[in-house]
Amino acid sequence: MLTLEKRLDYLLAIYIAAIVGAELLGSKFITIFGVVTSVGILALPLTFVINDVVSEVAGKERARNFVRSGLYVLVFLFAFVYVARELPPAGFFQNNEAYRSVFGNSLRVILGSLTAFAVSEFTDVFVFNAMRQKWGQKFLWLRSNLSNFVGQLIDTSVFIFVAFYLTTPAYNIPKMIAIIVPYWLLKMFFSVIETPFTYLGVKWLRGGGSAADI
């Protein structure tokens, strides 16, 4: 039988995979319900679910450790991508320009990703645990979704403003709001439909032991 620690390790692996997947593959855009969005939206909302699951079972500090681990991974990832892009290719490698283009995020986009991730994920953990302290273990669905809504609004707003605000004159505040609102609403939709996974995650994690075992 898996211990709580091992189950937390598996969740951390999924958490990191979602972050890396969203960052590396997120340069492709798709349309969902008429909203143009990065494919990263298919992976990144999972990190908020995991934050809530870990907070509910193992406590706020363990959830904050997940966020710190994710932030360290992102810093290392962006540093490694920079080095990989700058290294001269082997003579037979014919796709270097395409490689540089795919992994060629601007400094503003990278800074936006790091800042948005850190602020939104820590906020999600804070809001979820503040409500848990007030309401106890009741209303998991409400605590999870409300904390996710707040975290996702911050994530979307911070990233869009840091990465794109006034990159051209057209990218002014009204334009930023016009981008943020539908993107945030789409994230809220994903949060709601992922609610069953929060309950399943809590049940699965509790099956490995109690928080006292940590």
Protein backbone atom coordinates (compact mmCIF):
# COMPACT_ATOMS: atom_id res chain seq x y z
CA MET A 1 0.00 0.00 0.00
CA LEU A 2 1.28 3.45 -0.92
CA THR A 3 2.21 5.75 1.95
CA LEU A 4 1.11 9.37 2.09
CA GLU A 5 4.65 10.49 1.23
CA LYS A 6 4.72 8.37 -1.92
CA ARG A 7 1.32 9.66 -2.99
CA LEU A 8 2.53 13.21 -2.48
CA ASP A 9 5.58 12.40 -4.60
CA TYR A 10 3.33 11.21 -7.43
CA LEU A 11 1.22 14.35 -7.18
CA LEU A 12 4.34 16.50 -7.27
CA ALA A 13 5.46 14.68 -10.42
CA ILE A 14 2.10 15.42 -12.08
CA TYR A 15 2.28 19.02 -10.86
CA ILE A 16 5.73 19.55 -12.39
CA ALA A 17 4.72 17.77 -15.60
CA ALA A 18 1.72 20.08 -15.98
CA ILE A 19 3.88 23.17 -15.48
CA VAL A 20 6.60 22.06 -17.90
CA GLY A 21 4.05 20.88 -20.46
CA ALA A 22 2.18 24.18 -20.35
CA GLU A 23 5.38 26.22 -20.72
CA LEU A 24 7.03 24.17 -23.47
CA LEU A 25 3.89 23.52 -25.54
CA GLY A 26 1.99 26.71 -24.73
CA SER A 27 3.19 28.68 -27.77
CA LYS A 28 0.49 26.98 -29.88
CA PHE A 29 -2.90 28.68 -29.87
CA ILE A 30 -6.29 27.03 -30.27
CA THR A 31 -9.90 28.21 -30.12
CA ILE A 32 -12.29 26.94 -27.43
CA PHE A 33 -15.87 28.25 -27.39
CA GLY A 34 -14.73 31.13 -29.57
CA VAL A 35 -11.90 32.12 -27.21
CA VAL A 36 -8.36 32.06 -28.59
CA THR A 37 -6.15 30.46 -25.97
CA SER A 38 -2.83 28.74 -25.49
CA VAL A 39 -2.89 24.93 -25.37
CA GLY A 40 -1.34 25.40 -21.93
CA ILE A 41 -4.87 25.91 -20.62
CA LEU A 42 -5.34 22.14 -20.94
CA ALA A 43 -2.58 21.46 -18.39
CA LEU A 44 -2.06 24.48 -16.14
CA PRO A 45 -5.47 24.46 -14.35
CA LEU A 46 -4.49 21.05 -13.01
CA THR A 47 -1.88 22.76 -10.82
CA PHE A 48 -4.62 24.65 -8.95
CA VAL A 49 -6.50 21.39 -8.36
CA ILE A 50 -3.37 19.78 -6.95
CA ASN A 51 -2.75 22.79 -4.69
CA ASP A 52 -6.21 22.32 -3.22
CA VAL A 53 -5.87 18.56 -2.83
CA VAL A 54 -2.52 18.88 -1.05
CA SER A 55 -3.76 21.73 1.15
CA GLU A 56 -6.84 19.76 2.16
CA VAL A 57 -4.95 16.63 3.19
CA ALA A 58 -1.36 17.62 3.99
CA GLY A 59 -1.70 21.26 4.93
CA LYS A 60 -0.78 24.72 3.68
CA GLU A 61 2.98 24.42 4.06
CA ARG A 62 3.19 21.27 1.97
CA ALA A 63 1.13 22.96 -0.74
CA ARG A 64 3.44 25.98 -0.61
CA ASN A 65 6.38 23.61 -1.04
CA PHE A 66 4.76 22.34 -4.23
CA VAL A 67 4.57 25.91 -5.52
CA ARG A 68 8.21 26.58 -4.60
CA SER A 69 9.28 23.41 -6.39
CA GLY A 70 7.35 24.48 -9.47
CA LEU A 71 8.96 27.91 -9.41
CA TYR A 72 12.45 26.42 -9.15
CA VAL A 73 11.68 24.13 -12.09
CA LEU A 74 10.50 27.07 -14.20
CA VAL A 75 13.63 29.09 -13.47
CA PHE A 76 15.83 26.11 -14.39
CA LEU A 77 13.73 25.40 -17.48
CA PHE A 78 13.98 28.93 -18.85
CA ALA A 79 17.74 29.01 -18.13
CA PHE A 80 18.27 25.69 -19.87
CA VAL A 81 16.17 26.73 -22.87
CA TYR A 82 18.25 29.90 -23.20
CA VAL A 83 21.50 27.92 -23.18
CA ALA A 84 20.11 25.34 -25.60
CA ARG A 85 19.06 28.06 -28.07
CA GLU A 86 22.45 29.77 -27.97
CA LEU A 87 24.65 26.70 -28.38
CA PRO A 88 25.94 26.34 -31.98
CA PRO A 89 24.31 23.40 -33.78
CA ALA A 90 26.13 20.40 -35.24
CA GLY A 91 26.93 20.74 -38.92
CA PHE A 92 24.29 18.24 -40.01
CA PHE A 93 21.48 19.82 -37.96
CA GLN A 94 19.28 21.69 -40.43
CA ASN A 95 16.48 22.91 -38.16
CA ASN A 96 18.29 25.32 -35.88
CA GLU A 97 16.28 28.39 -36.90
CA ALA A 98 13.00 26.55 -36.40
CA TYR A 99 14.27 25.33 -33.02
CA ARG A 100 15.21 28.86 -31.99
CA SER A 101 11.83 30.14 -33.18
CA VAL A 102 9.80 27.56 -31.24
CA PHE A 103 11.74 28.19 -28.03
CA GLY A 104 12.24 31.90 -28.59
CA ASN A 105 10.00 33.49 -25.96
CA SER A 106 10.86 37.10 -25.26
CA LEU A 107 12.19 38.20 -21.88
CA ARG A 108 8.84 39.83 -21.11
CA VAL A 109 6.96 36.59 -21.76
CA ILE A 110 9.36 34.65 -19.53
CA LEU A 111 9.14 37.25 -16.77
CA GLY A 112 5.36 37.27 -17.12
CA SER A 113 5.19 33.48 -16.81
CA LEU A 114 7.38 33.36 -13.71
CA THR A 115 5.65 36.26 -11.98
CA ALA A 116 2.14 35.08 -12.81
CA PHE A 117 2.89 31.53 -11.67
CA ALA A 118 4.40 32.56 -8.34
CA VAL A 119 1.78 35.16 -7.39
CA SER A 120 -1.27 33.18 -8.53
CA GLU A 121 -0.27 29.81 -7.08
CA PHE A 122 0.68 31.22 -3.67
CA THR A 123 -2.56 33.22 -3.67
CA ASP A 124 -4.58 30.12 -4.50
CA VAL A 125 -3.03 28.28 -1.55
CA PHE A 126 -3.61 31.24 0.77
CA VAL A 127 -7.26 31.75 -0.19
CA PHE A 128 -8.10 28.04 -0.03
CA ASN A 129 -6.57 27.66 3.43
CA ALA A 130 -8.14 30.87 4.74
CA MET A 131 -11.56 29.47 3.84
CA ARG A 132 -10.64 26.08 5.27
CA GLN A 133 -9.69 27.70 8.55
CA LYS A 134 -13.09 29.41 8.66
CA TRP A 135 -15.30 26.59 7.40
CA GLY A 136 -13.29 23.48 8.27
CA GLN A 137 -13.67 20.56 5.86
CA LYS A 138 -17.11 21.68 4.65
CA PHE A 139 -17.80 23.06 1.17
CA LEU A 140 -14.71 21.63 -0.54
CA TRP A 141 -16.25 22.32 -3.94
CA LEU A 142 -16.83 25.97 -3.05
CA ARG A 143 -13.44 26.51 -1.41
CA SER A 144 -11.65 24.91 -4.34
CA ASN A 145 -13.47 26.87 -7.02
CA LEU A 146 -13.37 30.24 -5.28
CA SER A 147 -9.64 29.96 -4.60
CA ASN A 148 -9.07 28.83 -8.18
CA PHE A 149 -11.12 31.72 -9.58
CA VAL A 150 -9.03 34.23 -7.64
CA GLY A 151 -5.73 32.55 -8.50
CA GLN A 152 -6.62 32.22 -12.17
CA LEU A 153 -7.67 35.87 -12.42
CA ILE A 154 -4.32 36.90 -10.98
CA ASP A 155 -2.46 34.44 -13.22
CA THR A 156 -4.18 35.71 -16.36
CA SER A 157 -3.96 39.41 -15.49
CA VAL A 158 -0.33 39.41 -14.38
CA PHE A 159 0.86 37.41 -17.37
CA ILE A 160 -1.04 39.44 -19.97
CA PHE A 161 0.06 42.80 -18.54
CA VAL A 162 3.71 41.87 -17.98
CA ALA A 163 4.10 40.07 -21.31
CA PHE A 164 2.11 42.31 -23.67
CA TYR A 165 1.11 45.68 -22.18
CA LEU A 166 2.14 48.48 -24.61
CA THR A 167 4.28 46.15 -26.74
CA THR A 168 2.39 48.06 -29.43
CA PRO A 169 0.15 51.14 -28.99
CA ALA A 170 -2.90 48.94 -29.57
CA TYR A 171 -2.08 46.86 -26.49
CA ASN A 172 -3.47 49.41 -24.06
CA ILE A 173 -5.53 48.81 -20.90
CA PRO A 174 -8.90 48.29 -22.69
CA LYS A 175 -7.22 45.77 -24.99
CA MET A 176 -5.65 43.96 -22.02
CA ILE A 177 -9.06 43.72 -20.31
CA ALA A 178 -10.64 42.47 -23.54
CA ILE A 179 -8.07 39.66 -23.62
CA ILE A 180 -8.12 38.85 -19.90
CA VAL A 181 -11.88 38.54 -19.31
CA PRO A 182 -12.75 35.77 -21.82
CA TYR A 183 -9.51 33.92 -21.03
CA TRP A 184 -10.32 34.03 -17.30
CA LEU A 185 -13.91 32.90 -17.90
CA LEU A 186 -12.59 29.93 -19.87
CA LYS A 187 -10.25 29.05 -17.00
CA MET A 188 -13.18 29.28 -14.59
CA PHE A 189 -15.08 26.83 -16.77
CA PHE A 190 -12.18 24.37 -16.62
CA SER A 191 -12.03 24.83 -12.85
CA VAL A 192 -15.70 23.92 -12.46
CA ILE A 193 -15.55 20.82 -14.64
CA GLU A 194 -12.42 19.67 -12.80
CA THR A 195 -14.19 19.78 -9.40
CA PRO A 196 -14.77 15.99 -9.36
CA PHE A 197 -11.03 15.49 -9.74
CA THR A 198 -10.50 17.54 -6.58
CA TYR A 199 -12.75 15.17 -4.63
CA LEU A 200 -11.12 12.12 -6.21
CA GLY A 201 -7.67 13.52 -5.46
CA VAL A 202 -8.49 14.17 -1.81
CA LYS A 203 -9.97 10.67 -1.42
CA TRP A 204 -6.93 9.08 -3.11
CA LEU A 205 -4.41 11.08 -1.07
CA ARG A 206 -6.16 10.31 2.21
CA GLY A 207 -5.97 6.65 1.33
CA GLY A 208 -2.20 6.84 1.88
CA GLY A 209 -2.42 7.90 5.52
CA SER A 210 -3.23 10.97 7.56
CA ALA A 211 -1.56 14.35 7.73
CA ALA A 212 -0.03 13.27 11.06
CA ASP A 213 2.13 10.78 9.16
CA ILE A 214 4.09 13.57 7.44
